[in-house]
Amino acid sequence: MPLGRLTYCVYLIHLDFLNVYFAMERRLYYYTFYGQVITYVGLLLSMIGLAFVITVIAEAPFINIEKIILVPAKKGITQLG
């Protein structure tokens, strides 16, 4: 389940991330196989890292709230005090 959330977050942010990356490119880019592989791996790892941060910051609190609301109270346990 966490991997599914992470890949969905990568899916949501990847186009914006690529647009920003290529818009900031200020030099000529010569397409070579090695350059493509390095660029792909670097962008992929960057997007996964950013998606992880977004998932932890945005989704984790809502998952905890959902667990609190949807978990039924256990019967037979009383609090003393």
C-alpha atoms as a PDB file:
ATOM      1  CA  MET A   1       0.000   0.000   0.000  1.00  0.00           C
ATOM      2  CA  PRO A   2       2.711   2.605   0.792  1.00  0.00           C
ATOM      3  CA  LEU A   3       4.457   1.875  -2.512  1.00  0.00           C
ATOM      4  CA  GLY A   4       1.176   2.471  -4.326  1.00  0.00           C
ATOM      5  CA  ARG A   5       0.788   5.869  -2.668  1.00  0.00           C
ATOM      6  CA  LEU A   6       4.362   6.745  -3.547  1.00  0.00           C
ATOM      7  CA  THR A   7       4.012   5.825  -7.214  1.00  0.00           C
ATOM      8  CA  TYR A   8       0.709   7.691  -7.437  1.00  0.00           C
ATOM      9  CA  CYS A   9       2.392  10.785  -5.995  1.00  0.00           C
ATOM     10  CA  VAL A  10       5.212  10.429  -8.566  1.00  0.00           C
ATOM     11  CA  TYR A  11       2.537  10.218 -11.255  1.00  0.00           C
ATOM     12  CA  LEU A  12       0.935  13.437  -9.994  1.00  0.00           C
ATOM     13  CA  ILE A  13       4.115  15.496  -9.826  1.00  0.00           C
ATOM     14  CA  HIS A  14       6.227  14.180 -12.705  1.00  0.00           C
ATOM     15  CA  LEU A  15       4.950  16.492 -15.473  1.00  0.00           C
ATOM     16  CA  ASP A  16       5.388  19.637 -13.395  1.00  0.00           C
ATOM     17  CA  PHE A  17       8.820  18.483 -12.270  1.00  0.00           C
ATOM     18  CA  LEU A  18       9.926  17.808 -15.861  1.00  0.00           C
ATOM     19  CA  ASN A  19       8.574  21.157 -17.056  1.00  0.00           C
ATOM     20  CA  VAL A  20      10.518  23.014 -14.392  1.00  0.00           C
ATOM     21  CA  TYR A  21      13.685  21.006 -15.055  1.00  0.00           C
ATOM     22  CA  PHE A  22      13.735  21.555 -18.792  1.00  0.00           C
ATOM     23  CA  ALA A  23      12.635  25.201 -18.496  1.00  0.00           C
ATOM     24  CA  MET A  24      15.646  25.876 -16.268  1.00  0.00           C
ATOM     25  CA  GLU A  25      18.063  24.264 -18.741  1.00  0.00           C
ATOM     26  CA  ARG A  26      20.306  27.078 -20.032  1.00  0.00           C
ATOM     27  CA  ARG A  27      22.663  25.202 -22.319  1.00  0.00           C
ATOM     28  CA  LEU A  28      22.393  23.165 -25.473  1.00  0.00           C
ATOM     29  CA  TYR A  29      21.635  19.547 -24.805  1.00  0.00           C
ATOM     30  CA  TYR A  30      23.181  16.993 -27.144  1.00  0.00           C
ATOM     31  CA  TYR A  31      21.238  13.759 -27.126  1.00  0.00           C
ATOM     32  CA  THR A  32      23.481  10.801 -26.510  1.00  0.00           C
ATOM     33  CA  PHE A  33      22.599   7.451 -25.057  1.00  0.00           C
ATOM     34  CA  TYR A  34      24.787   7.997 -21.996  1.00  0.00           C
ATOM     35  CA  GLY A  35      23.356  11.485 -21.425  1.00  0.00           C
ATOM     36  CA  GLN A  36      19.807  10.153 -21.686  1.00  0.00           C
ATOM     37  CA  VAL A  37      20.481   7.376 -19.166  1.00  0.00           C
ATOM     38  CA  ILE A  38      22.089   9.749 -16.667  1.00  0.00           C
ATOM     39  CA  THR A  39      19.301  12.315 -17.063  1.00  0.00           C
ATOM     40  CA  TYR A  40      16.588   9.655 -16.734  1.00  0.00           C
ATOM     41  CA  VAL A  41      18.064   8.074 -13.616  1.00  0.00           C
ATOM     42  CA  GLY A  42      18.708  11.459 -12.001  1.00  0.00           C
ATOM     43  CA  LEU A  43      15.201  12.736 -12.713  1.00  0.00           C
ATOM     44  CA  LEU A  44      13.617   9.463 -11.582  1.00  0.00           C
ATOM     45  CA  LEU A  45      15.454   9.466  -8.260  1.00  0.00           C
ATOM     46  CA  SER A  46      14.703  13.154  -7.740  1.00  0.00           C
ATOM     47  CA  MET A  47      10.990  12.624  -8.393  1.00  0.00           C
ATOM     48  CA  ILE A  48      10.849   9.617  -6.075  1.00  0.00           C
ATOM     49  CA  GLY A  49      12.563  11.621  -3.324  1.00  0.00           C
ATOM     50  CA  LEU A  50      10.205  14.556  -3.763  1.00  0.00           C
ATOM     51  CA  ALA A  51       7.196  12.219  -3.856  1.00  0.00           C
ATOM     52  CA  PHE A  52       8.371  10.589  -0.624  1.00  0.00           C
ATOM     53  CA  VAL A  53       8.604  13.960   1.110  1.00  0.00           C
ATOM     54  CA  ILE A  54       5.147  14.976  -0.152  1.00  0.00           C
ATOM     55  CA  THR A  55       3.673  11.631   0.892  1.00  0.00           C
ATOM     56  CA  VAL A  56       5.124  11.886   4.389  1.00  0.00           C
ATOM     57  CA  ILE A  57       4.072  15.504   4.855  1.00  0.00           C
ATOM     58  CA  ALA A  58       0.628  15.395   3.232  1.00  0.00           C
ATOM     59  CA  GLU A  59      -0.727  11.866   3.461  1.00  0.00           C
ATOM     60  CA  ALA A  60       0.640  10.463   6.712  1.00  0.00           C
ATOM     61  CA  PRO A  61      -1.378  12.773   9.013  1.00  0.00           C
ATOM     62  CA  PHE A  62      -4.576  11.958   7.132  1.00  0.00           C
ATOM     63  CA  ILE A  63      -3.883   8.230   7.397  1.00  0.00           C
ATOM     64  CA  ASN A  64      -3.526   8.578  11.178  1.00  0.00           C
ATOM     65  CA  ILE A  65      -6.786  10.541  11.406  1.00  0.00           C
ATOM     66  CA  GLU A  66      -8.498   7.891   9.298  1.00  0.00           C
ATOM     67  CA  LYS A  67      -7.256   5.140  11.638  1.00  0.00           C
ATOM     68  CA  ILE A  68      -8.561   7.024  14.679  1.00  0.00           C
ATOM     69  CA  ILE A  69     -11.993   7.606  13.153  1.00  0.00           C
ATOM     70  CA  LEU A  70     -12.562   4.244  11.510  1.00  0.00           C
ATOM     71  CA  VAL A  71     -11.162   1.864  14.152  1.00  0.00           C
ATOM     72  CA  PRO A  72     -14.055   0.645  16.304  1.00  0.00           C
ATOM     73  CA  ALA A  73     -13.712   0.891  20.064  1.00  0.00           C
ATOM     74  CA  LYS A  74     -12.728  -2.402  21.695  1.00  0.00           C
ATOM     75  CA  LYS A  75     -15.499  -3.886  23.825  1.00  0.00           C
ATOM     76  CA  GLY A  76     -14.860  -5.109  27.340  1.00  0.00           C
ATOM     77  CA  ILE A  77     -11.927  -2.822  28.065  1.00  0.00           C
ATOM     78  CA  THR A  78     -12.556  -0.162  30.653  1.00  0.00           C
ATOM     79  CA  GLN A  79     -10.259   2.560  31.814  1.00  0.00           C
ATOM     80  CA  LEU A  80      -9.583   2.782  35.526  1.00  0.00           C
ATOM     81  CA  GLY A  81      -8.883   6.076  37.083  1.00  0.00           C
END
